[in-house]
Amino acid sequence: TIRFIDEEKKIARLGFVIVDDGRRGKGYGKQLVLSALK
């Protein structure tokens, strides 16, 4: 999830970050986070 944490909507916060437990350690977490940042 992504939510704004300031009134100006210039700062966002990631939450509830999770990857399929059967796919961990294969780079999917990094891809997920980088996609969320983009």
PDB file of all heavy atoms in Angstrom:
ATOM      1  N   THR A   1       0.848  -1.188   0.000  1.00  0.00           N
ATOM      2  CA  THR A   1       0.000   0.000   0.000  1.00  0.00           C
ATOM      3  C   THR A   1       0.885   1.240   0.000  1.00  0.00           C
ATOM      4  O   THR A   1       2.050   1.191   0.412  1.00  0.00           O
ATOM      5  CB  THR A   1      -0.920   0.047   1.238  1.00  0.00           C
ATOM      6  OG1 THR A   1      -0.121   0.111   2.423  1.00  0.00           O
ATOM      7  CG2 THR A   1      -1.850  -1.152   1.292  1.00  0.00           C
ATOM      8  N   ILE A   2       0.300   2.329  -0.475  1.00  0.00           N
ATOM      9  CA  ILE A   2       0.950   3.632  -0.430  1.00  0.00           C
ATOM     10  C   ILE A   2      -0.082   4.621   0.086  1.00  0.00           C
ATOM     11  O   ILE A   2      -1.232   4.610  -0.371  1.00  0.00           O
ATOM     12  CB  ILE A   2       1.438   4.095  -1.823  1.00  0.00           C
ATOM     13  CG1 ILE A   2       2.388   3.070  -2.449  1.00  0.00           C
ATOM     14  CG2 ILE A   2       2.100   5.470  -1.723  1.00  0.00           C
ATOM     15  CD1 ILE A   2       2.805   3.399  -3.884  1.00  0.00           C
ATOM     16  N   ARG A   3       0.328   5.437   1.037  1.00  0.00           N
ATOM     17  CA  ARG A   3      -0.570   6.474   1.538  1.00  0.00           C
ATOM     18  C   ARG A   3       0.219   7.756   1.752  1.00  0.00           C
ATOM     19  O   ARG A   3       1.423   7.725   1.978  1.00  0.00           O
ATOM     20  CB  ARG A   3      -1.262   6.051   2.834  1.00  0.00           C
ATOM     21  CG  ARG A   3      -0.314   5.831   3.993  1.00  0.00           C
ATOM     22  CD  ARG A   3      -1.054   5.354   5.251  1.00  0.00           C
ATOM     23  NE  ARG A   3      -0.128   4.921   6.266  1.00  0.00           N
ATOM     24  CZ  ARG A   3       0.414   5.703   7.197  1.00  0.00           C
ATOM     25  NH1 ARG A   3       0.095   6.983   7.243  1.00  0.00           N
ATOM     26  NH2 ARG A   3       1.259   5.219   8.083  1.00  0.00           N
ATOM     27  N   PHE A   4      -0.481   8.880   1.633  1.00  0.00           N
ATOM     28  CA  PHE A   4       0.145  10.169   1.900  1.00  0.00           C
ATOM     29  C   PHE A   4       0.222  10.375   3.406  1.00  0.00           C
ATOM     30  O   PHE A   4      -0.688   9.987   4.137  1.00  0.00           O
ATOM     31  CB  PHE A   4      -0.663  11.312   1.278  1.00  0.00           C
ATOM     32  CG  PHE A   4      -0.690  11.280  -0.215  1.00  0.00           C
ATOM     33  CD1 PHE A   4      -1.857  10.991  -0.897  1.00  0.00           C
ATOM     34  CD2 PHE A   4       0.459  11.537  -0.954  1.00  0.00           C
ATOM     35  CE1 PHE A   4      -1.884  10.961  -2.286  1.00  0.00           C
ATOM     36  CE2 PHE A   4       0.440  11.506  -2.342  1.00  0.00           C
ATOM     37  CZ  PHE A   4      -0.738  11.218  -3.007  1.00  0.00           C
ATOM     38  N   ILE A   5       1.309  10.991   3.868  1.00  0.00           N
ATOM     39  CA  ILE A   5       1.438  11.251   5.306  1.00  0.00           C
ATOM     40  C   ILE A   5       1.569  12.736   5.614  1.00  0.00           C
ATOM     41  O   ILE A   5       1.835  13.103   6.760  1.00  0.00           O
ATOM     42  CB  ILE A   5       2.595  10.449   5.936  1.00  0.00           C
ATOM     43  CG1 ILE A   5       3.938  10.791   5.303  1.00  0.00           C
ATOM     44  CG2 ILE A   5       2.310   8.957   5.850  1.00  0.00           C
ATOM     45  CD1 ILE A   5       5.134  10.184   6.038  1.00  0.00           C
ATOM     46  N   ASP A   6       1.353  13.577   4.597  1.00  0.00           N
ATOM     47  CA  ASP A   6       1.383  15.018   4.829  1.00  0.00           C
ATOM     48  C   ASP A   6       0.232  15.668   4.055  1.00  0.00           C
ATOM     49  O   ASP A   6      -0.275  15.105   3.088  1.00  0.00           O
ATOM     50  CB  ASP A   6       2.729  15.619   4.400  1.00  0.00           C
ATOM     51  CG  ASP A   6       2.960  15.531   2.904  1.00  0.00           C
ATOM     52  OD1 ASP A   6       2.539  14.520   2.283  1.00  0.00           O
ATOM     53  OD2 ASP A   6       3.539  16.459   2.334  1.00  0.00           O
ATOM     54  N   GLU A   7      -0.178  16.829   4.505  1.00  0.00           N
ATOM     55  CA  GLU A   7      -1.315  17.513   3.882  1.00  0.00           C
ATOM     56  C   GLU A   7      -1.033  17.939   2.446  1.00  0.00           C
ATOM     57  O   GLU A   7      -1.936  17.974   1.610  1.00  0.00           O
ATOM     58  CB  GLU A   7      -1.732  18.725   4.716  1.00  0.00           C
ATOM     59  CG  GLU A   7      -2.426  18.336   5.997  1.00  0.00           C
ATOM     60  CD  GLU A   7      -2.962  19.537   6.755  1.00  0.00           C
ATOM     61  OE1 GLU A   7      -3.228  20.582   6.135  1.00  0.00           O
ATOM     62  OE2 GLU A   7      -3.120  19.415   7.982  1.00  0.00           O
ATOM     63  N   GLU A   8       0.211  18.262   2.138  1.00  0.00           N
ATOM     64  CA  GLU A   8       0.572  18.705   0.792  1.00  0.00           C
ATOM     65  C   GLU A   8       0.666  17.553  -0.204  1.00  0.00           C
ATOM     66  O   GLU A   8       0.851  17.759  -1.392  1.00  0.00           O
ATOM     67  CB  GLU A   8       1.909  19.467   0.817  1.00  0.00           C
ATOM     68  CG  GLU A   8       1.878  20.747   1.623  1.00  0.00           C
ATOM     69  CD  GLU A   8       2.043  20.499   3.129  1.00  0.00           C
ATOM     70  OE1 GLU A   8       2.645  19.471   3.520  1.00  0.00           O
ATOM     71  OE2 GLU A   8       1.537  21.323   3.898  1.00  0.00           O
ATOM     72  N   LYS A   9       0.600  16.337   0.300  1.00  0.00           N
ATOM     73  CA  LYS A   9       0.697  15.122  -0.520  1.00  0.00           C
ATOM     74  C   LYS A   9       2.020  15.059  -1.277  1.00  0.00           C
ATOM     75  O   LYS A   9       2.071  14.722  -2.453  1.00  0.00           O
ATOM     76  CB  LYS A   9      -0.497  15.001  -1.458  1.00  0.00           C
ATOM     77  CG  LYS A   9      -1.802  14.833  -0.702  1.00  0.00           C
ATOM     78  CD  LYS A   9      -2.956  14.563  -1.621  1.00  0.00           C
ATOM     79  CE  LYS A   9      -4.190  14.296  -0.777  1.00  0.00           C
ATOM     80  NZ  LYS A   9      -5.332  13.920  -1.579  1.00  0.00           N
ATOM     81  N   LYS A  10       3.097  15.366  -0.560  1.00  0.00           N
ATOM     82  CA  LYS A  10       4.436  15.296  -1.137  1.00  0.00           C
ATOM     83  C   LYS A  10       5.278  14.183  -0.508  1.00  0.00           C
ATOM     84  O   LYS A  10       6.383  13.911  -0.955  1.00  0.00           O
ATOM     85  CB  LYS A  10       5.161  16.642  -0.988  1.00  0.00           C
ATOM     86  CG  LYS A  10       4.531  17.741  -1.823  1.00  0.00           C
ATOM     87  CD  LYS A  10       4.630  17.393  -3.287  1.00  0.00           C
ATOM     88  CE  LYS A  10       4.000  18.420  -4.190  1.00  0.00           C
ATOM     89  NZ  LYS A  10       3.954  17.968  -5.579  1.00  0.00           N
ATOM     90  N   ILE A  11       4.747  13.571   0.554  1.00  0.00           N
ATOM     91  CA  ILE A  11       5.447  12.464   1.219  1.00  0.00           C
ATOM     92  C   ILE A  11       4.489  11.279   1.293  1.00  0.00           C
ATOM     93  O   ILE A  11       3.359  11.405   1.757  1.00  0.00           O
ATOM     94  CB  ILE A  11       5.913  12.846   2.636  1.00  0.00           C
ATOM     95  CG1 ILE A  11       6.790  14.099   2.604  1.00  0.00           C
ATOM     96  CG2 ILE A  11       6.669  11.672   3.274  1.00  0.00           C
ATOM     97  CD1 ILE A  11       7.142  14.635   3.976  1.00  0.00           C
ATOM     98  N   ALA A  12       4.953  10.141   0.816  1.00  0.00           N
ATOM     99  CA  ALA A  12       4.142   8.924   0.838  1.00  0.00           C
ATOM    100  C   ALA A  12       4.818   7.879   1.715  1.00  0.00           C
ATOM    101  O   ALA A  12       6.026   7.933   1.965  1.00  0.00           O
ATOM    102  CB  ALA A  12       3.971   8.384  -0.577  1.00  0.00           C
ATOM    103  N   ARG A  13       4.026   6.934   2.182  1.00  0.00           N
ATOM    104  CA  ARG A  13       4.535   5.862   3.047  1.00  0.00           C
ATOM    105  C   ARG A  13       4.104   4.520   2.473  1.00  0.00           C
ATOM    106  O   ARG A  13       2.934   4.314   2.166  1.00  0.00           O
ATOM    107  CB  ARG A  13       4.018   6.020   4.464  1.00  0.00           C
ATOM    108  CG  ARG A  13       4.673   5.056   5.438  1.00  0.00           C
ATOM    109  CD  ARG A  13       4.516   5.567   6.863  1.00  0.00           C
ATOM    110  NE  ARG A  13       5.189   4.743   7.846  1.00  0.00           N
ATOM    111  CZ  ARG A  13       6.434   4.892   8.247  1.00  0.00           C
ATOM    112  NH1 ARG A  13       7.185   5.851   7.719  1.00  0.00           N
ATOM    113  NH2 ARG A  13       6.951   4.113   9.165  1.00  0.00           N
ATOM    114  N   LEU A  14       5.073   3.619   2.341  1.00  0.00           N
ATOM    115  CA  LEU A  14       4.784   2.250   1.927  1.00  0.00           C
ATOM    116  C   LEU A  14       4.348   1.449   3.148  1.00  0.00           C
ATOM    117  O   LEU A  14       4.868   1.645   4.245  1.00  0.00           O
ATOM    118  CB  LEU A  14       6.013   1.577   1.320  1.00  0.00           C
ATOM    119  CG  LEU A  14       6.633   2.163   0.066  1.00  0.00           C
ATOM    120  CD1 LEU A  14       7.756   1.252  -0.429  1.00  0.00           C
ATOM    121  CD2 LEU A  14       5.609   2.376  -1.021  1.00  0.00           C
ATOM    122  N   GLY A  15       3.442   0.524   2.928  1.00  0.00           N
ATOM    123  CA  GLY A  15       3.001  -0.355   3.999  1.00  0.00           C
ATOM    124  C   GLY A  15       2.564  -1.696   3.445  1.00  0.00           C
ATOM    125  O   GLY A  15       2.378  -1.866   2.240  1.00  0.00           O
ATOM    126  N   PHE A  16       2.406  -2.646   4.337  1.00  0.00           N
ATOM    127  CA  PHE A  16       1.917  -3.989   4.003  1.00  0.00           C
ATOM    128  C   PHE A  16       2.651  -4.608   2.814  1.00  0.00           C
ATOM    129  O   PHE A  16       2.047  -5.256   1.961  1.00  0.00           O
ATOM    130  CB  PHE A  16       0.407  -3.973   3.741  1.00  0.00           C
ATOM    131  CG  PHE A  16      -0.420  -3.698   4.956  1.00  0.00           C
ATOM    132  CD1 PHE A  16      -1.234  -2.577   5.021  1.00  0.00           C
ATOM    133  CD2 PHE A  16      -0.395  -4.550   6.041  1.00  0.00           C
ATOM    134  CE1 PHE A  16      -2.005  -2.313   6.141  1.00  0.00           C
ATOM    135  CE2 PHE A  16      -1.160  -4.302   7.174  1.00  0.00           C
ATOM    136  CZ  PHE A  16      -1.964  -3.184   7.227  1.00  0.00           C
ATOM    137  N   VAL A  17       3.958  -4.406   2.766  1.00  0.00           N
ATOM    138  CA  VAL A  17       4.771  -4.932   1.656  1.00  0.00           C
ATOM    139  C   VAL A  17       4.949  -6.435   1.867  1.00  0.00           C
ATOM    140  O   VAL A  17       5.410  -6.884   2.917  1.00  0.00           O
ATOM    141  CB  VAL A  17       6.154  -4.235   1.606  1.00  0.00           C
ATOM    142  CG1 VAL A  17       6.984  -4.796   0.462  1.00  0.00           C
ATOM    143  CG2 VAL A  17       5.991  -2.723   1.497  1.00  0.00           C
ATOM    144  N   ILE A  18       4.570  -7.201   0.843  1.00  0.00           N
ATOM    145  CA  ILE A  18       4.699  -8.657   0.944  1.00  0.00           C
ATOM    146  C   ILE A  18       4.874  -9.259  -0.448  1.00  0.00           C
ATOM    147  O   ILE A  18       4.337  -8.746  -1.424  1.00  0.00           O
ATOM    148  CB  ILE A  18       3.468  -9.284   1.659  1.00  0.00           C
ATOM    149  CG1 ILE A  18       3.715 -10.757   1.977  1.00  0.00           C
ATOM    150  CG2 ILE A  18       2.187  -9.044   0.869  1.00  0.00           C
ATOM    151  CD1 ILE A  18       2.683 -11.370   2.925  1.00  0.00           C
ATOM    152  N   VAL A  19       5.650 -10.334  -0.487  1.00  0.00           N
ATOM    153  CA  VAL A  19       5.852 -11.107  -1.715  1.00  0.00           C
ATOM    154  C   VAL A  19       5.480 -12.548  -1.399  1.00  0.00           C
ATOM    155  O   VAL A  19       5.687 -13.030  -0.275  1.00  0.00           O
ATOM    156  CB  VAL A  19       7.331 -11.013  -2.189  1.00  0.00           C
ATOM    157  CG1 VAL A  19       7.612 -11.969  -3.330  1.00  0.00           C
ATOM    158  CG2 VAL A  19       7.660  -9.589  -2.596  1.00  0.00           C
ATOM    159  N   ASP A  20       4.934 -13.227  -2.364  1.00  0.00           N
ATOM    160  CA  ASP A  20       4.599 -14.650  -2.252  1.00  0.00           C
ATOM    161  C   ASP A  20       5.767 -15.368  -1.584  1.00  0.00           C
ATOM    162  O   ASP A  20       6.907 -15.295  -2.051  1.00  0.00           O
ATOM    163  CB  ASP A  20       4.345 -15.199  -3.660  1.00  0.00           C
ATOM    164  CG  ASP A  20       4.085 -16.687  -3.719  1.00  0.00           C
ATOM    165  OD1 ASP A  20       4.305 -17.409  -2.737  1.00  0.00           O
ATOM    166  OD2 ASP A  20       3.668 -17.140  -4.799  1.00  0.00           O
ATOM    167  N   ASP A  21       5.501 -16.038  -0.478  1.00  0.00           N
ATOM    168  CA  ASP A  21       6.572 -16.674   0.294  1.00  0.00           C
ATOM    169  C   ASP A  21       7.325 -17.727  -0.516  1.00  0.00           C
ATOM    170  O   ASP A  21       8.492 -18.003  -0.251  1.00  0.00           O
ATOM    171  CB  ASP A  21       6.041 -17.261   1.610  1.00  0.00           C
ATOM    172  CG  ASP A  21       4.950 -18.288   1.421  1.00  0.00           C
ATOM    173  OD1 ASP A  21       4.040 -18.059   0.591  1.00  0.00           O
ATOM    174  OD2 ASP A  21       4.988 -19.324   2.095  1.00  0.00           O
ATOM    175  N   GLY A  22       6.713 -18.296  -1.522  1.00  0.00           N
ATOM    176  CA  GLY A  22       7.387 -19.275  -2.375  1.00  0.00           C
ATOM    177  C   GLY A  22       8.314 -18.643  -3.405  1.00  0.00           C
ATOM    178  O   GLY A  22       9.055 -19.347  -4.081  1.00  0.00           O
ATOM    179  N   ARG A  23       8.293 -17.325  -3.499  1.00  0.00           N
ATOM    180  CA  ARG A  23       9.112 -16.621  -4.489  1.00  0.00           C
ATOM    181  C   ARG A  23      10.168 -15.726  -3.854  1.00  0.00           C
ATOM    182  O   ARG A  23      10.857 -14.997  -4.553  1.00  0.00           O
ATOM    183  CB  ARG A  23       8.232 -15.774  -5.398  1.00  0.00           C
ATOM    184  CG  ARG A  23       7.281 -16.584  -6.231  1.00  0.00           C
ATOM    185  CD  ARG A  23       6.372 -15.656  -6.991  1.00  0.00           C
ATOM    186  NE  ARG A  23       5.343 -16.382  -7.673  1.00  0.00           N
ATOM    187  CZ  ARG A  23       5.347 -16.641  -8.976  1.00  0.00           C
ATOM    188  NH1 ARG A  23       6.332 -16.237  -9.730  1.00  0.00           N
ATOM    189  NH2 ARG A  23       4.367 -17.295  -9.527  1.00  0.00           N
ATOM    190  N   ARG A  24      10.269 -15.751  -2.546  1.00  0.00           N
ATOM    191  CA  ARG A  24      11.230 -14.866  -1.879  1.00  0.00           C
ATOM    192  C   ARG A  24      12.653 -15.301  -2.207  1.00  0.00           C
ATOM    193  O   ARG A  24      12.928 -16.464  -2.476  1.00  0.00           O
ATOM    194  CB  ARG A  24      10.985 -14.871  -0.375  1.00  0.00           C
ATOM    195  CG  ARG A  24       9.674 -14.180  -0.064  1.00  0.00           C
ATOM    196  CD  ARG A  24       9.447 -13.950   1.397  1.00  0.00           C
ATOM    197  NE  ARG A  24       8.077 -13.474   1.565  1.00  0.00           N
ATOM    198  CZ  ARG A  24       7.293 -13.801   2.550  1.00  0.00           C
ATOM    199  NH1 ARG A  24       7.726 -14.592   3.502  1.00  0.00           N
ATOM    200  NH2 ARG A  24       6.075 -13.315   2.615  1.00  0.00           N
ATOM    201  N   GLY A  25      13.550 -14.314  -2.181  1.00  0.00           N
ATOM    202  CA  GLY A  25      14.951 -14.585  -2.479  1.00  0.00           C
ATOM    203  C   GLY A  25      15.267 -14.612  -3.961  1.00  0.00           C
ATOM    204  O   GLY A  25      16.364 -14.983  -4.359  1.00  0.00           O
ATOM    205  N   LYS A  26      14.307 -14.210  -4.805  1.00  0.00           N
ATOM    206  CA  LYS A  26      14.497 -14.254  -6.258  1.00  0.00           C
ATOM    207  C   LYS A  26      14.447 -12.870  -6.896  1.00  0.00           C
ATOM    208  O   LYS A  26      14.354 -12.758  -8.112  1.00  0.00           O
ATOM    209  CB  LYS A  26      13.439 -15.156  -6.886  1.00  0.00           C
ATOM    210  CG  LYS A  26      13.529 -16.592  -6.394  1.00  0.00           C
ATOM    211  CD  LYS A  26      12.446 -17.454  -6.977  1.00  0.00           C
ATOM    212  CE  LYS A  26      12.567 -18.868  -6.407  1.00  0.00           C
ATOM    213  NZ  LYS A  26      11.486 -19.719  -6.858  1.00  0.00           N
ATOM    214  N   GLY A  27      14.481 -11.821  -6.063  1.00  0.00           N
ATOM    215  CA  GLY A  27      14.494 -10.468  -6.602  1.00  0.00           C
ATOM    216  C   GLY A  27      13.126  -9.826  -6.780  1.00  0.00           C
ATOM    217  O   GLY A  27      13.028  -8.667  -7.186  1.00  0.00           O
ATOM    218  N   TYR A  28      12.065 -10.562  -6.497  1.00  0.00           N
ATOM    219  CA  TYR A  28      10.730  -9.996  -6.666  1.00  0.00           C
ATOM    220  C   TYR A  28      10.448  -8.862  -5.677  1.00  0.00           C
ATOM    221  O   TYR A  28       9.766  -7.894  -6.013  1.00  0.00           O
ATOM    222  CB  TYR A  28       9.647 -11.076  -6.527  1.00  0.00           C
ATOM    223  CG  TYR A  28       9.544 -11.971  -7.741  1.00  0.00           C
ATOM    224  CD1 TYR A  28      10.033 -13.280  -7.701  1.00  0.00           C
ATOM    225  CD2 TYR A  28       8.953 -11.518  -8.916  1.00  0.00           C
ATOM    226  CE1 TYR A  28       9.944 -14.108  -8.812  1.00  0.00           C
ATOM    227  CE2 TYR A  28       8.860 -12.336 -10.029  1.00  0.00           C
ATOM    228  CZ  TYR A  28       9.346 -13.631  -9.967  1.00  0.00           C
ATOM    229  OH  TYR A  28       9.260 -14.441 -11.072  1.00  0.00           O
ATOM    230  N   GLY A  29      10.952  -8.976  -4.461  1.00  0.00           N
ATOM    231  CA  GLY A  29      10.750  -7.913  -3.473  1.00  0.00           C
ATOM    232  C   GLY A  29      11.353  -6.610  -3.952  1.00  0.00           C
ATOM    233  O   GLY A  29      10.730  -5.550  -3.857  1.00  0.00           O
ATOM    234  N   LYS A  30      12.555  -6.678  -4.468  1.00  0.00           N
ATOM    235  CA  LYS A  30      13.212  -5.477  -4.980  1.00  0.00           C
ATOM    236  C   LYS A  30      12.433  -4.901  -6.162  1.00  0.00           C
ATOM    237  O   LYS A  30      12.214  -3.685  -6.244  1.00  0.00           O
ATOM    238  CB  LYS A  30      14.654  -5.793  -5.383  1.00  0.00           C
ATOM    239  CG  LYS A  30      15.427  -4.571  -5.827  1.00  0.00           C
ATOM    240  CD  LYS A  30      16.896  -4.887  -6.058  1.00  0.00           C
ATOM    241  CE  LYS A  30      17.662  -3.624  -6.430  1.00  0.00           C
ATOM    242  NZ  LYS A  30      19.096  -3.884  -6.554  1.00  0.00           N
ATOM    243  N   GLN A  31      11.995  -5.758  -7.080  1.00  0.00           N
ATOM    244  CA  GLN A  31      11.194  -5.292  -8.214  1.00  0.00           C
ATOM    245  C   GLN A  31       9.905  -4.630  -7.733  1.00  0.00           C
ATOM    246  O   GLN A  31       9.495  -3.593  -8.267  1.00  0.00           O
ATOM    247  CB  GLN A  31      10.839  -6.459  -9.140  1.00  0.00           C
ATOM    248  CG  GLN A  31      11.967  -6.966  -9.981  1.00  0.00           C
ATOM    249  CD  GLN A  31      11.485  -8.092 -10.885  1.00  0.00           C
ATOM    250  OE1 GLN A  31      10.526  -7.925 -11.639  1.00  0.00           O
ATOM    251  NE2 GLN A  31      12.136  -9.240 -10.792  1.00  0.00           N
ATOM    252  N   LEU A  32       9.271  -5.225  -6.733  1.00  0.00           N
ATOM    253  CA  LEU A  32       8.030  -4.683  -6.182  1.00  0.00           C
ATOM    254  C   LEU A  32       8.261  -3.292  -5.604  1.00  0.00           C
ATOM    255  O   LEU A  32       7.529  -2.343  -5.913  1.00  0.00           O
ATOM    256  CB  LEU A  32       7.469  -5.621  -5.113  1.00  0.00           C
ATOM    257  CG  LEU A  32       6.275  -5.116  -4.299  1.00  0.00           C
ATOM    258  CD1 LEU A  32       5.062  -4.867  -5.189  1.00  0.00           C
ATOM    259  CD2 LEU A  32       5.943  -6.112  -3.198  1.00  0.00           C
ATOM    260  N   VAL A  33       9.292  -3.152  -4.791  1.00  0.00           N
ATOM    261  CA  VAL A  33       9.565  -1.871  -4.135  1.00  0.00           C
ATOM    262  C   VAL A  33       9.979  -0.816  -5.165  1.00  0.00           C
ATOM    263  O   VAL A  33       9.507   0.323  -5.115  1.00  0.00           O
ATOM    264  CB  VAL A  33      10.621  -2.030  -3.023  1.00  0.00           C
ATOM    265  CG1 VAL A  33      11.041  -0.687  -2.461  1.00  0.00           C
ATOM    266  CG2 VAL A  33      10.073  -2.923  -1.906  1.00  0.00           C
ATOM    267  N   LEU A  34      10.824  -1.178  -6.113  1.00  0.00           N
ATOM    268  CA  LEU A  34      11.228  -0.212  -7.143  1.00  0.00           C
ATOM    269  C   LEU A  34      10.032   0.217  -7.998  1.00  0.00           C
ATOM    270  O   LEU A  34       9.900   1.392  -8.368  1.00  0.00           O
ATOM    271  CB  LEU A  34      12.348  -0.776  -8.013  1.00  0.00           C
ATOM    272  CG  LEU A  34      13.706  -0.917  -7.326  1.00  0.00           C
ATOM    273  CD1 LEU A  34      14.700  -1.643  -8.238  1.00  0.00           C
ATOM    274  CD2 LEU A  34      14.258   0.433  -6.891  1.00  0.00           C
ATOM    275  N   SER A  35       9.134  -0.709  -8.297  1.00  0.00           N
ATOM    276  CA  SER A  35       7.918  -0.367  -9.049  1.00  0.00           C
ATOM    277  C   SER A  35       7.039   0.577  -8.238  1.00  0.00           C
ATOM    278  O   SER A  35       6.453   1.512  -8.785  1.00  0.00           O
ATOM    279  CB  SER A  35       7.131  -1.628  -9.408  1.00  0.00           C
ATOM    280  OG  SER A  35       7.866  -2.432 -10.294  1.00  0.00           O
ATOM    281  N   ALA A  36       6.947   0.337  -6.940  1.00  0.00           N
ATOM    282  CA  ALA A  36       6.152   1.214  -6.069  1.00  0.00           C
ATOM    283  C   ALA A  36       6.768   2.608  -5.992  1.00  0.00           C
ATOM    284  O   ALA A  36       6.045   3.609  -5.984  1.00  0.00           O
ATOM    285  CB  ALA A  36       6.038   0.606  -4.674  1.00  0.00           C
ATOM    286  N   LEU A  37       8.097   2.678  -5.937  1.00  0.00           N
ATOM    287  CA  LEU A  37       8.761   3.983  -5.922  1.00  0.00           C
ATOM    288  C   LEU A  37       8.499   4.737  -7.219  1.00  0.00           C
ATOM    289  O   LEU A  37       8.210   5.938  -7.211  1.00  0.00           O
ATOM    290  CB  LEU A  37      10.264   3.822  -5.680  1.00  0.00           C
ATOM    291  CG  LEU A  37      10.665   3.387  -4.282  1.00  0.00           C
ATOM    292  CD1 LEU A  37      12.162   3.091  -4.216  1.00  0.00           C
ATOM    293  CD2 LEU A  37      10.274   4.436  -3.249  1.00  0.00           C
ATOM    294  N   LYS A  38       8.596   4.043  -8.329  1.00  0.00           N
ATOM    295  CA  LYS A  38       8.309   4.680  -9.621  1.00  0.00           C
ATOM    296  C   LYS A  38       6.878   5.207  -9.634  1.00  0.00           C
ATOM    297  O   LYS A  38       6.623   6.336 -10.063  1.00  0.00           O
ATOM    298  CB  LYS A  38       8.550   3.687 -10.761  1.00  0.00           C
ATOM    299  CG  LYS A  38       8.310   4.281 -12.141  1.00  0.00           C
ATOM    300  CD  LYS A  38       8.774   3.338 -13.221  1.00  0.00           C
ATOM    301  CE  LYS A  38       8.526   3.833 -14.625  1.00  0.00           C
ATOM    302  NZ  LYS A  38       8.525   5.232 -14.877  1.00  0.00           N
TER     303      LYS A  38
END
